[in-house]
Amino acid sequence: MIGCSAGSRCTGQEWYHLKCITMTADSLPEGDWFCKAACKKAKKGKPKRKSKSASKTDHSPNSDFKCNYSRAIAWVGLNLLCRRDAVREADGEAMLTHWKFDLIHFFSTKHPKYLILAHRLLISVNGWLPEKLKNDLIYNRTVNYGGGMGRNLPQDFMNEILNRLFKDILDAAKGRYTKTTIQRCGQIVGPLGEALDSVLDSQIIEKELYRHRRRESNRDKNVERMITFLQGDDLFSTINGRHHRAFDPFVHNENPKFPGKFQPKMKQLSKRLDKRRRVIVDA
């Protein structure tokens, strides 16, 4: 893909497939590329303010942005593999460890909604909830529909399948609600046990879960394949001055931003939860 040099000021799609714009990897232009004339004018406008936390050395022409990009790909890929293994093995403690990483990531990228959700989950399993509810949050986060080891699926994925099936049934009825239709819908939105007994053996869910049940996960082979694919261009070697044509100033940094503000924010969220708990107990 190639990105418009106007960045966020692009008046088009900003990113384009080479085939969509009749361009090849050999014909990529040197320097800036604009998808429209308006984008070129937009870039000449008032420049964006640089973040105070941005390091000057990160954008130095002596930096190796290709290596930074490869490190970012490896970091994200390995994290996804570990997360997938944790879900498939129903390793609740490992999944909560990943939520700790997410907590810092949401704080650094300024996503307050997800930050609050991650904080509530971690606080709940560290003393805020009773022992029974705590164990439910840790060890009952997956569903093993296909049977066997390493074939667990996230609960939200299963709920999405049930929700989709429920909508399909309502759409198929088209206003003609018979006793059978009402009974089926009631079973789906009712207790999970009844829904599993009547729905999970249907051909619809069998089709949805086919690829998850049949595919075997081999983490070592996937990692070896990724390294082999990337090491051909010396992407894991530091060669100053390299950069990708589409996005040259790529910086990879996993250190949390604003570390001095993280602890006060966590205390603020914890006090809010304590206040809510007092209200619930007093009620």
Protein backbone atom coordinates (compact mmCIF):
# COMPACT_ATOMS: atom_id res chain seq x y z
CA MET A 1 0.00 0.00 0.00
CA ILE A 2 0.97 3.63 -0.35
CA GLY A 3 -0.09 6.52 1.83
CA CYS A 4 -0.83 10.08 0.82
CA SER A 5 1.89 12.39 2.12
CA ALA A 6 -0.77 14.77 3.42
CA GLY A 7 -1.43 12.31 6.24
CA SER A 8 -4.47 13.21 8.33
CA ARG A 9 -5.04 16.25 6.09
CA CYS A 10 -5.73 13.97 3.10
CA THR A 11 -9.09 14.69 1.46
CA GLY A 12 -9.28 11.17 0.01
CA GLN A 13 -8.80 7.72 1.54
CA GLU A 14 -5.21 8.45 2.73
CA TRP A 15 -4.11 4.84 2.12
CA TYR A 16 -4.41 3.04 -1.24
CA HIS A 17 -3.72 -0.41 -2.65
CA LEU A 18 -1.19 -0.21 -5.46
CA LYS A 19 -3.49 -2.15 -7.81
CA CYS A 20 -6.37 0.27 -7.18
CA ILE A 21 -4.32 3.22 -8.46
CA THR A 22 -2.57 1.25 -11.25
CA MET A 23 0.82 1.47 -9.58
CA THR A 24 3.49 -1.15 -8.93
CA ALA A 25 6.24 -1.49 -6.34
CA ASP A 26 8.81 -0.53 -8.97
CA SER A 27 6.97 2.64 -9.93
CA LEU A 28 6.70 4.07 -6.41
CA PRO A 29 7.65 7.76 -6.50
CA GLU A 30 10.62 9.09 -4.61
CA GLY A 31 9.73 11.62 -1.94
CA ASP A 32 6.20 12.88 -1.35
CA TRP A 33 3.16 11.47 -3.13
CA PHE A 34 -0.29 13.08 -3.06
CA CYS A 35 -3.47 11.39 -4.20
CA LYS A 36 -5.11 14.72 -5.06
CA ALA A 37 -4.00 18.25 -5.77
CA ALA A 38 -6.05 19.41 -2.79
CA CYS A 39 -3.95 17.21 -0.51
CA LYS A 40 -0.79 18.94 -1.66
CA LYS A 41 -2.31 22.30 -0.82
CA ALA A 42 -3.56 20.99 2.52
CA LYS A 43 -0.09 19.92 3.58
CA LYS A 44 1.24 23.42 2.95
CA GLY A 45 -1.19 24.71 5.55
CA LYS A 46 -0.53 25.18 9.23
CA PRO A 47 1.65 22.32 10.50
CA LYS A 48 0.53 20.18 13.40
CA ARG A 49 1.95 20.77 16.84
CA LYS A 50 4.45 18.15 17.84
CA SER A 51 3.86 16.23 21.01
CA LYS A 52 6.06 17.26 23.92
CA SER A 53 6.75 13.60 24.63
CA ALA A 54 8.14 12.98 21.14
CA SER A 55 11.85 12.43 21.22
CA LYS A 56 14.03 14.34 18.79
CA THR A 57 16.39 11.42 18.41
CA ASP A 58 13.53 9.15 17.31
CA HIS A 59 13.07 11.20 14.12
CA SER A 60 16.75 11.58 13.40
CA PRO A 61 17.80 10.81 9.80
CA ASN A 62 20.31 8.37 11.26
CA SER A 63 17.55 6.16 12.69
CA ASP A 64 16.61 2.86 11.07
CA PHE A 65 12.85 3.10 10.57
CA LYS A 66 12.67 -0.24 8.74
CA CYS A 67 14.11 -1.98 11.78
CA ASN A 68 11.65 -0.12 14.01
CA TYR A 69 8.78 -1.31 11.85
CA SER A 70 10.01 -4.92 11.94
CA ARG A 71 10.30 -4.77 15.72
CA ALA A 72 6.74 -3.48 15.94
CA ILE A 73 5.45 -6.28 13.68
CA ALA A 74 7.31 -8.90 15.74
CA TRP A 75 6.04 -7.43 19.01
CA VAL A 76 2.40 -7.36 17.90
CA GLY A 77 2.60 -10.78 16.26
CA LEU A 78 4.12 -12.51 19.28
CA ASN A 79 1.58 -10.86 21.57
CA LEU A 80 -1.29 -12.09 19.41
CA LEU A 81 0.10 -15.62 19.41
CA CYS A 82 0.40 -15.61 23.20
CA ARG A 83 -3.12 -14.22 23.58
CA ARG A 84 -4.52 -16.86 21.26
CA ASP A 85 -2.78 -19.65 23.17
CA ALA A 86 -4.09 -18.30 26.47
CA VAL A 87 -7.67 -18.35 25.16
CA ARG A 88 -7.40 -21.79 23.58
CA GLU A 89 -5.95 -23.25 26.77
CA ALA A 90 -8.43 -21.38 29.01
CA ASP A 91 -5.51 -19.87 30.92
CA GLY A 92 -7.37 -17.15 32.80
CA GLU A 93 -4.31 -15.88 34.66
CA ALA A 94 -2.40 -15.39 31.40
CA MET A 95 -5.37 -13.54 29.88
CA LEU A 96 -5.42 -11.18 32.85
CA THR A 97 -1.69 -10.58 32.36
CA HIS A 98 -2.45 -9.42 28.83
CA TRP A 99 -5.08 -7.09 30.25
CA LYS A 100 -2.32 -5.46 32.32
CA PHE A 101 -0.46 -4.70 29.11
CA ASP A 102 -3.70 -3.37 27.63
CA LEU A 103 -4.24 -1.13 30.66
CA ILE A 104 -0.94 0.66 30.02
CA HIS A 105 -1.59 0.75 26.27
CA PHE A 106 -5.03 2.33 26.71
CA PHE A 107 -3.56 4.92 29.06
CA SER A 108 -0.72 5.79 26.68
CA THR A 109 -3.01 6.05 23.65
CA LYS A 110 -5.67 8.01 25.57
CA HIS A 111 -8.62 5.61 25.32
CA PRO A 112 -10.46 6.41 28.58
CA LYS A 113 -13.41 4.08 27.94
CA TYR A 114 -11.24 0.98 27.52
CA LEU A 115 -8.92 2.16 30.28
CA ILE A 116 -11.84 2.15 32.74
CA LEU A 117 -12.96 -1.32 31.61
CA ALA A 118 -9.46 -2.76 31.99
CA HIS A 119 -9.06 -1.13 35.40
CA ARG A 120 -12.39 -2.49 36.63
CA LEU A 121 -11.52 -6.01 35.53
CA LEU A 122 -8.11 -6.00 37.22
CA ILE A 123 -9.46 -4.40 40.39
CA SER A 124 -12.31 -6.92 40.50
CA VAL A 125 -9.93 -9.89 40.58
CA ASN A 126 -7.64 -8.25 43.13
CA GLY A 127 -9.95 -7.85 46.08
CA TRP A 128 -12.86 -5.69 44.94
CA LEU A 129 -15.24 -8.62 44.32
CA PRO A 130 -16.03 -11.65 46.50
CA GLU A 131 -13.96 -14.79 45.99
CA LYS A 132 -16.59 -16.63 43.94
CA LEU A 133 -17.10 -13.78 41.47
CA LYS A 134 -13.34 -13.29 41.30
CA ASN A 135 -12.80 -16.91 40.28
CA ASP A 136 -15.57 -16.64 37.69
CA LEU A 137 -13.82 -13.70 36.06
CA ILE A 138 -10.48 -15.51 36.03
CA TYR A 139 -11.36 -19.08 35.09
CA ASN A 140 -14.72 -18.85 33.27
CA ARG A 141 -13.75 -16.65 30.34
CA THR A 142 -13.93 -19.23 27.55
CA VAL A 143 -16.25 -21.87 26.10
CA ASN A 144 -15.11 -25.30 24.92
CA TYR A 145 -17.66 -26.26 22.30
CA GLY A 146 -15.64 -28.62 20.09
CA GLY A 147 -14.16 -30.65 22.94
CA GLY A 148 -10.54 -31.57 23.49
CA MET A 149 -7.55 -29.64 24.77
CA GLY A 150 -6.55 -26.32 23.26
CA ARG A 151 -9.92 -25.66 21.56
CA ASN A 152 -11.49 -23.08 23.84
CA LEU A 153 -13.14 -20.01 22.36
CA PRO A 154 -13.82 -16.58 23.90
CA GLN A 155 -17.23 -16.19 25.49
CA ASP A 156 -17.94 -12.98 23.60
CA PHE A 157 -17.38 -14.87 20.34
CA MET A 158 -19.97 -17.48 21.32
CA ASN A 159 -22.37 -14.77 22.45
CA GLU A 160 -21.99 -13.06 19.09
CA ILE A 161 -22.96 -16.29 17.32
CA LEU A 162 -26.04 -16.67 19.52
CA ASN A 163 -26.96 -13.04 18.95
CA ARG A 164 -26.59 -13.40 15.18
CA LEU A 165 -28.71 -16.56 15.16
CA PHE A 166 -31.38 -14.81 17.23
CA LYS A 167 -31.52 -11.94 14.73
CA ASP A 168 -31.71 -14.36 11.81
CA ILE A 169 -34.68 -16.13 13.39
CA LEU A 170 -36.51 -12.85 13.94
CA ASP A 171 -35.76 -11.74 10.39
CA ALA A 172 -36.96 -15.06 8.95
CA ALA A 173 -40.25 -14.77 10.85
CA LYS A 174 -41.06 -11.41 9.19
CA GLY A 175 -43.93 -10.70 11.56
CA ARG A 176 -45.36 -14.24 11.52
CA TYR A 177 -44.65 -15.18 15.12
CA THR A 178 -45.86 -18.70 15.75
CA LYS A 179 -45.62 -20.53 19.06
CA THR A 180 -42.55 -22.36 17.80
CA THR A 181 -40.82 -19.11 16.83
CA ILE A 182 -41.55 -17.50 20.17
CA GLN A 183 -40.30 -20.59 21.99
CA ARG A 184 -37.04 -20.63 20.04
CA CYS A 185 -36.42 -16.93 20.63
CA GLY A 186 -37.18 -17.36 24.31
CA GLN A 187 -34.68 -20.19 24.58
CA ILE A 188 -31.96 -18.09 22.95
CA VAL A 189 -32.40 -15.07 25.18
CA GLY A 190 -33.10 -17.19 28.26
CA PRO A 191 -30.63 -19.04 30.48
CA LEU A 192 -27.41 -20.05 28.80
CA GLY A 193 -27.93 -23.72 29.60
CA GLU A 194 -31.21 -23.89 27.70
CA ALA A 195 -29.72 -21.96 24.80
CA LEU A 196 -26.77 -24.33 24.57
CA ASP A 197 -29.02 -27.41 24.60
CA SER A 198 -31.26 -26.16 21.80
CA VAL A 199 -28.91 -24.10 19.65
CA LEU A 200 -25.28 -25.19 19.81
CA ASP A 201 -25.87 -28.42 17.89
CA SER A 202 -27.39 -26.59 14.92
CA GLN A 203 -25.71 -26.57 11.53
CA ILE A 204 -25.33 -22.79 11.68
CA ILE A 205 -22.97 -22.86 14.64
CA GLU A 206 -21.18 -25.91 13.25
CA LYS A 207 -20.41 -23.83 10.18
CA GLU A 208 -19.29 -20.84 12.26
CA LEU A 209 -16.88 -22.89 14.38
CA TYR A 210 -15.53 -25.19 11.68
CA ARG A 211 -12.28 -23.32 11.14
CA HIS A 212 -11.66 -22.97 14.88
CA ARG A 213 -12.20 -26.66 15.57
CA ARG A 214 -10.21 -28.01 12.63
CA ARG A 215 -7.21 -25.71 12.68
CA GLU A 216 -4.32 -26.71 14.90
CA SER A 217 -2.18 -23.95 16.35
CA ASN A 218 1.60 -24.38 16.14
CA ARG A 219 3.20 -21.32 17.66
CA ASP A 220 6.80 -22.36 16.99
CA LYS A 221 6.09 -22.94 13.31
CA ASN A 222 4.28 -19.60 12.99
CA VAL A 223 7.14 -17.71 14.63
CA GLU A 224 9.70 -19.47 12.44
CA ARG A 225 7.69 -18.62 9.33
CA MET A 226 7.45 -14.96 10.31
CA ILE A 227 11.18 -14.65 11.05
CA THR A 228 12.07 -16.36 7.77
CA PHE A 229 9.78 -14.01 5.86
CA LEU A 230 11.27 -10.87 7.41
CA GLN A 231 14.97 -11.68 7.70
CA GLY A 232 15.58 -11.83 3.94
CA ASP A 233 15.80 -8.04 3.73
CA ASP A 234 17.92 -7.65 6.87
CA LEU A 235 14.94 -6.08 8.59
CA PHE A 236 16.23 -7.13 12.00
CA SER A 237 19.63 -5.52 11.44
CA THR A 238 20.16 -1.88 12.36
CA ILE A 239 21.16 0.09 9.25
CA ASN A 240 20.86 3.82 9.83
CA GLY A 241 19.05 5.90 7.24
CA ARG A 242 16.60 3.24 6.01
CA HIS A 243 12.86 3.85 5.83
CA HIS A 244 9.79 2.57 4.01
CA ARG A 245 8.61 4.82 1.20
CA ALA A 246 5.03 4.97 2.42
CA PHE A 247 5.82 5.99 6.02
CA ASP A 248 9.41 6.97 6.74
CA PRO A 249 9.29 8.34 10.33
CA PHE A 250 8.03 5.14 11.96
CA VAL A 251 8.88 4.88 15.65
CA HIS A 252 8.42 1.78 17.78
CA ASN A 253 8.40 2.38 21.51
CA GLU A 254 6.65 0.17 24.07
CA ASN A 255 7.56 2.34 27.05
CA PRO A 256 4.44 3.86 28.66
CA LYS A 257 3.82 7.53 27.98
CA PHE A 258 3.30 9.94 30.87
CA PRO A 259 4.45 7.45 33.58
CA GLY A 260 4.16 10.14 36.25
CA LYS A 261 0.42 10.51 35.58
CA PHE A 262 -0.37 6.79 35.51
CA GLN A 263 -0.40 6.16 39.26
CA PRO A 264 -2.63 9.18 40.12
CA LYS A 265 -5.08 8.08 37.41
CA MET A 266 -5.28 4.56 38.84
CA LYS A 267 -5.91 5.99 42.32
CA GLN A 268 -8.66 8.21 40.96
CA LEU A 269 -10.44 5.28 39.28
CA SER A 270 -10.05 3.12 42.40
CA LYS A 271 -11.61 5.80 44.60
CA ARG A 272 -14.59 5.98 42.25
CA LEU A 273 -15.11 2.23 42.55
CA ASP A 274 -14.83 2.36 46.34
CA LYS A 275 -17.44 5.10 46.41
CA ARG A 276 -19.79 3.02 44.27
CA ARG A 277 -19.28 -0.02 46.50
CA ARG A 278 -20.25 1.97 49.59
CA VAL A 279 -23.42 3.10 47.85
CA ILE A 280 -24.28 -0.49 46.90
CA VAL A 281 -23.58 -1.82 50.39
CA ASP A 282 -25.53 0.98 52.09
CA ALA A 283 -28.48 0.40 49.77
